[in-house]
Amino acid sequence: MKWGDINLERGHIDVTKGTVLVKNENGPNRTYQIIQEPKTKNGYRRIPITEDLVRQLKRWQVLQYIEQMAEGEEYEDDGLIVTTKKGRMVSQRNLATKFHRLLDKAEIPKTNLHSLRHTYATRLLGFTRRWFKNCWAMGV
């Protein structure tokens, strides 16, 4: 996801792309990640975000800028939100590993990143009764 996909003033995220692992025939790794458009029209959606998340994202934007300035010319600024310290895309495997370490540190039972989607849906239903809008936001 890129910063351009988030509207911090209006409090929403526009989902217009996703990452996919692709077989690597010629490289040192067996797979690599690409960014591509969603497979279906339901993959395109607008997700509302809370004021707290907006504040956290603004804070993250500042921290990321500080990292960018520290790295200088070596920083690859592609507008990505979640990056390595050099601005590169974080692999799905490394993101999952970091997520599991954070769960362990917080003493939360191990789960996968995809389960956050279900948590979001459950919480969203708690805030509103507009089922159709909830299904649309989830891309269902």
Protein backbone atom coordinates (compact mmCIF):
# COMPACT_ATOMS: atom_id res chain seq x y z
CA MET A 1 0.00 0.00 0.00
CA LYS A 2 1.17 3.49 -0.79
CA TRP A 3 0.61 6.81 0.95
CA GLY A 4 -1.42 7.94 -2.07
CA ASP A 5 -4.00 5.24 -1.23
CA ILE A 6 -4.81 6.88 2.10
CA ASN A 7 -6.85 10.03 2.57
CA LEU A 8 -5.91 11.20 6.05
CA GLU A 9 -8.21 14.23 5.89
CA ARG A 10 -11.33 12.21 5.04
CA GLY A 11 -10.31 9.11 7.00
CA HIS A 12 -10.31 6.30 4.45
CA ILE A 13 -8.10 3.92 2.52
CA ASP A 14 -8.69 3.19 -1.16
CA VAL A 15 -7.73 -0.39 -1.96
CA THR A 16 -6.60 -0.43 -5.59
CA LYS A 17 -3.68 -2.87 -5.51
CA GLY A 18 -2.32 -5.90 -3.72
CA THR A 19 0.93 -7.83 -3.50
CA VAL A 20 1.42 -11.28 -4.98
CA LEU A 21 4.27 -13.78 -4.73
CA VAL A 22 5.52 -14.86 -8.14
CA LYS A 23 7.88 -17.72 -9.02
CA ASN A 24 11.37 -16.50 -9.78
CA GLU A 25 12.86 -18.54 -12.61
CA ASN A 26 16.21 -16.75 -12.87
CA GLY A 27 17.03 -15.19 -9.50
CA PRO A 28 18.68 -16.31 -6.28
CA ASN A 29 15.29 -16.51 -4.49
CA ARG A 30 12.49 -18.90 -5.43
CA THR A 31 9.88 -16.14 -5.37
CA TYR A 32 9.57 -12.37 -5.52
CA GLN A 33 6.79 -9.91 -4.79
CA ILE A 34 4.93 -7.78 -7.29
CA ILE A 35 2.19 -5.19 -6.88
CA GLN A 36 -0.84 -5.70 -9.08
CA GLU A 37 -4.48 -4.68 -9.40
CA PRO A 38 -7.16 -6.75 -7.62
CA LYS A 39 -8.46 -9.85 -9.43
CA THR A 40 -12.12 -8.82 -9.19
CA LYS A 41 -14.11 -5.58 -9.18
CA ASN A 42 -14.93 -6.23 -5.51
CA GLY A 43 -11.21 -6.02 -4.80
CA TYR A 44 -11.48 -2.26 -5.32
CA ARG A 45 -12.97 -0.68 -2.22
CA ARG A 46 -12.85 2.23 0.20
CA ILE A 47 -12.26 1.33 3.83
CA PRO A 48 -13.10 3.82 6.58
CA ILE A 49 -10.43 4.30 9.23
CA THR A 50 -10.69 5.62 12.76
CA GLU A 51 -9.39 8.97 13.97
CA ASP A 52 -6.89 7.09 16.13
CA LEU A 53 -5.51 5.26 13.08
CA VAL A 54 -5.28 8.58 11.21
CA ARG A 55 -3.18 9.99 14.09
CA GLN A 56 -0.96 6.90 14.11
CA LEU A 57 -0.46 7.06 10.35
CA LYS A 58 0.49 10.75 10.53
CA ARG A 59 3.00 9.86 13.24
CA TRP A 60 4.35 7.00 11.10
CA GLN A 61 4.70 9.39 8.13
CA VAL A 62 6.98 11.62 10.20
CA LEU A 63 9.04 8.67 11.47
CA GLN A 64 9.39 7.33 7.94
CA TYR A 65 10.56 10.74 6.73
CA ILE A 66 13.21 10.79 9.46
CA GLU A 67 14.41 7.34 8.31
CA GLN A 68 14.49 8.59 4.73
CA MET A 69 16.62 11.58 5.67
CA ALA A 70 18.99 9.36 7.68
CA GLU A 71 19.48 6.96 4.74
CA GLY A 72 19.92 9.74 2.20
CA GLU A 73 20.54 8.66 -1.39
CA GLU A 74 20.24 4.96 -0.50
CA TYR A 75 16.56 5.34 0.42
CA GLU A 76 14.20 4.15 -2.34
CA ASP A 77 11.12 6.37 -2.06
CA ASP A 78 8.31 4.61 -3.90
CA GLY A 79 5.65 6.00 -1.58
CA LEU A 80 5.19 2.72 0.25
CA ILE A 81 3.81 2.80 3.80
CA VAL A 82 5.47 -0.33 5.17
CA THR A 83 9.12 -0.44 4.15
CA THR A 84 12.55 -1.57 5.16
CA LYS A 85 14.87 1.12 6.55
CA LYS A 86 16.07 1.66 2.97
CA GLY A 87 12.52 2.27 1.67
CA ARG A 88 12.12 -1.09 -0.07
CA MET A 89 9.02 -3.25 -0.01
CA VAL A 90 8.89 -5.60 2.99
CA SER A 91 8.47 -9.25 2.01
CA GLN A 92 5.31 -10.99 3.16
CA ARG A 93 7.42 -13.53 5.03
CA ASN A 94 9.40 -10.87 6.93
CA LEU A 95 6.21 -8.96 7.76
CA ALA A 96 4.61 -12.14 9.15
CA THR A 97 7.74 -12.89 11.21
CA LYS A 98 7.74 -9.40 12.71
CA PHE A 99 3.99 -9.68 13.40
CA HIS A 100 4.50 -12.97 15.29
CA ARG A 101 7.33 -11.47 17.35
CA LEU A 102 5.07 -8.56 18.34
CA LEU A 103 2.31 -10.99 19.31
CA ASP A 104 4.76 -12.94 21.47
CA LYS A 105 6.04 -9.76 23.12
CA ALA A 106 2.47 -8.66 23.88
CA GLU A 107 1.60 -12.17 25.10
CA ILE A 108 -1.19 -12.48 22.54
CA PRO A 109 -1.94 -15.95 21.13
CA LYS A 110 -0.29 -16.59 17.77
CA THR A 111 -2.45 -15.97 14.72
CA ASN A 112 -1.85 -14.88 11.14
CA LEU A 113 -2.09 -11.48 9.49
CA HIS A 114 -5.17 -12.49 7.51
CA SER A 115 -7.07 -12.96 10.76
CA LEU A 116 -6.86 -9.17 11.25
CA ARG A 117 -9.27 -8.88 8.33
CA HIS A 118 -11.81 -10.92 10.28
CA THR A 119 -11.19 -8.87 13.42
CA TYR A 120 -11.80 -5.71 11.42
CA ALA A 121 -15.08 -7.11 10.04
CA THR A 122 -16.28 -8.09 13.51
CA ARG A 123 -15.42 -4.69 14.96
CA LEU A 124 -17.01 -2.93 12.02
CA LEU A 125 -20.26 -4.80 12.60
CA GLY A 126 -20.18 -3.63 16.19
CA PHE A 127 -20.14 0.00 15.02
CA THR A 128 -22.79 -0.12 12.33
CA ARG A 129 -25.79 -2.10 11.16
CA ARG A 130 -25.31 -1.31 7.49
CA TRP A 131 -24.49 -4.88 6.43
CA PHE A 132 -24.19 -4.17 2.72
CA LYS A 133 -21.64 -1.41 3.29
CA ASN A 134 -19.66 -3.70 5.61
CA CYS A 135 -19.60 -6.48 3.02
CA TRP A 136 -18.49 -4.02 0.36
CA ALA A 137 -15.70 -2.65 2.56
CA MET A 138 -14.43 -6.21 3.04
CA GLY A 139 -14.54 -6.90 -0.72
CA VAL A 140 -17.16 -9.61 -0.36
